[in-house]
Amino acid sequence: MGNTAVKGYADPIGGRSRLWIGDHTGPSSYTQWSAPNTGGDVLKSKYLGLSSINFIAATGLSESGTYYVEAKLAAASGASPTSAILVWYVAATPGTQATGATDLSGESVRLMAVGG
């Protein structure tokens, strides 16, 4: 088992790294995600005031308690991705993704992102 730092890191928050914490509202028509990077709720780093997203996590359930989100970085390891993919799942049936065309615009989740 080993660990490899992203090139240029470790970097304290406030150096090159910036922290963003906020609420994200879902799309009005969700497209189901499929591996490796098709569909999902695409979140670009520029929407968060960042030039890249090196880490992103959703905390807890959506505001209504109906959904939870898993975040996936949209680039290979070692790269500095400029977007992430948020995959929305139904909380009552863990592992079951929200169906295509679901209106999630009334749902929001808390996100934390670290980037450049």
Protein backbone atom coordinates (compact mmCIF):
# COMPACT_ATOMS: atom_id res chain seq x y z
CA MET A 1 0.00 0.00 0.00
CA GLY A 2 1.31 3.42 -0.89
CA ASN A 3 0.33 7.04 -1.21
CA THR A 4 1.36 9.50 -3.88
CA ALA A 5 0.81 13.22 -3.42
CA VAL A 6 -0.71 15.20 -6.27
CA LYS A 7 2.15 17.05 -7.98
CA GLY A 8 2.90 20.26 -6.13
CA TYR A 9 1.29 19.16 -2.84
CA ALA A 10 1.20 19.07 0.20
CA ASP A 11 -0.02 22.62 0.16
CA PRO A 12 -1.70 24.34 3.09
CA ILE A 13 -5.10 25.88 2.56
CA GLY A 14 -4.39 29.47 1.65
CA GLY A 15 -1.26 28.61 -0.33
CA ARG A 16 -2.19 27.44 -3.81
CA SER A 17 -5.14 25.48 -2.41
CA ARG A 18 -8.51 27.02 -1.76
CA LEU A 19 -11.46 25.61 0.16
CA TRP A 20 -15.08 26.02 -0.96
CA ILE A 21 -18.05 24.96 1.16
CA GLY A 22 -21.57 25.59 0.00
CA ASP A 23 -24.90 24.25 -1.16
CA HIS A 24 -25.47 22.77 -4.60
CA THR A 25 -28.92 22.55 -6.17
CA GLY A 26 -29.66 19.61 -8.44
CA PRO A 27 -30.49 19.83 -12.15
CA SER A 28 -34.04 20.19 -13.50
CA SER A 29 -33.57 17.03 -15.57
CA TYR A 30 -31.03 14.53 -14.20
CA THR A 31 -29.09 12.28 -16.59
CA GLN A 32 -28.06 8.97 -15.05
CA TRP A 33 -24.31 8.50 -14.64
CA SER A 34 -22.44 5.58 -16.18
CA ALA A 35 -18.73 4.79 -15.94
CA PRO A 36 -16.32 6.24 -16.61
CA ASN A 37 -17.59 9.82 -17.05
CA THR A 38 -20.97 9.83 -18.81
CA GLY A 39 -23.99 11.68 -17.45
CA GLY A 40 -24.49 12.71 -13.86
CA ASP A 41 -24.65 16.27 -12.58
CA VAL A 42 -21.51 17.94 -13.95
CA LEU A 43 -20.04 20.60 -11.68
CA LYS A 44 -17.33 22.81 -13.18
CA SER A 45 -14.63 24.26 -10.93
CA LYS A 46 -15.27 27.78 -12.23
CA TYR A 47 -18.79 27.64 -10.72
CA LEU A 48 -17.08 27.39 -7.32
CA GLY A 49 -14.53 30.13 -8.01
CA LEU A 50 -11.76 27.52 -8.37
CA SER A 51 -9.42 26.76 -11.27
CA SER A 52 -9.42 23.03 -10.45
CA ILE A 53 -11.07 20.54 -8.11
CA ASN A 54 -8.61 18.25 -6.35
CA PHE A 55 -11.07 16.91 -3.78
CA ILE A 56 -14.85 17.12 -3.42
CA ALA A 57 -17.29 15.54 -1.00
CA ALA A 58 -20.97 15.81 -0.26
CA THR A 59 -22.08 15.72 3.36
CA GLY A 60 -25.25 13.92 4.39
CA LEU A 61 -28.61 13.82 2.68
CA SER A 62 -30.28 16.37 0.44
CA GLU A 63 -32.30 19.03 2.19
CA SER A 64 -35.51 16.95 1.90
CA GLY A 65 -33.77 13.75 3.02
CA THR A 66 -34.76 12.00 -0.21
CA TYR A 67 -31.35 11.81 -1.93
CA TYR A 68 -27.63 11.62 -1.24
CA VAL A 69 -24.78 12.46 -3.60
CA GLU A 70 -21.47 10.80 -4.39
CA ALA A 71 -18.86 12.95 -6.10
CA LYS A 72 -16.44 11.66 -8.73
CA LEU A 73 -13.52 13.59 -10.14
CA ALA A 74 -13.67 13.81 -13.91
CA ALA A 75 -9.97 13.20 -14.63
CA ALA A 76 -7.28 10.58 -14.25
CA SER A 77 -5.13 10.46 -11.12
CA GLY A 78 -2.27 12.92 -11.03
CA ALA A 79 -4.20 15.50 -13.08
CA SER A 80 -5.88 18.66 -11.82
CA PRO A 81 -9.48 18.19 -12.96
CA THR A 82 -11.61 21.19 -13.83
CA SER A 83 -14.89 19.41 -13.11
CA ALA A 84 -16.52 16.81 -10.93
CA ILE A 85 -19.52 14.59 -11.52
CA LEU A 86 -22.19 14.42 -8.84
CA VAL A 87 -24.18 11.18 -8.86
CA TRP A 88 -27.56 11.40 -7.13
CA TYR A 89 -28.87 8.32 -5.28
CA VAL A 90 -32.21 7.58 -3.60
CA ALA A 91 -31.72 7.55 0.18
CA ALA A 92 -34.48 4.98 0.83
CA THR A 93 -32.75 2.44 -1.43
CA PRO A 94 -28.97 2.97 -1.11
CA GLY A 95 -27.07 2.31 -4.32
CA THR A 96 -30.11 3.07 -6.49
CA GLN A 97 -29.39 6.04 -8.70
CA ALA A 98 -32.07 8.67 -9.35
CA THR A 99 -33.85 7.87 -12.60
CA GLY A 100 -33.19 9.80 -15.78
CA ALA A 101 -35.18 13.02 -16.26
CA THR A 102 -35.84 13.32 -12.49
CA ASP A 103 -36.34 16.96 -11.52
CA LEU A 104 -33.84 17.62 -8.72
CA SER A 105 -34.06 21.41 -8.89
CA GLY A 106 -35.85 21.47 -5.52
CA GLU A 107 -33.08 19.45 -3.85
CA SER A 108 -29.79 20.76 -2.48
CA VAL A 109 -26.77 19.15 -0.86
CA ARG A 110 -23.85 20.60 1.10
CA LEU A 111 -20.49 20.22 -0.70
CA MET A 112 -16.90 20.77 0.29
CA ALA A 113 -14.32 21.20 -2.45
CA VAL A 114 -10.57 21.80 -2.35
CA GLY A 115 -8.92 23.11 -5.47
CA GLY A 116 -6.70 25.69 -7.04
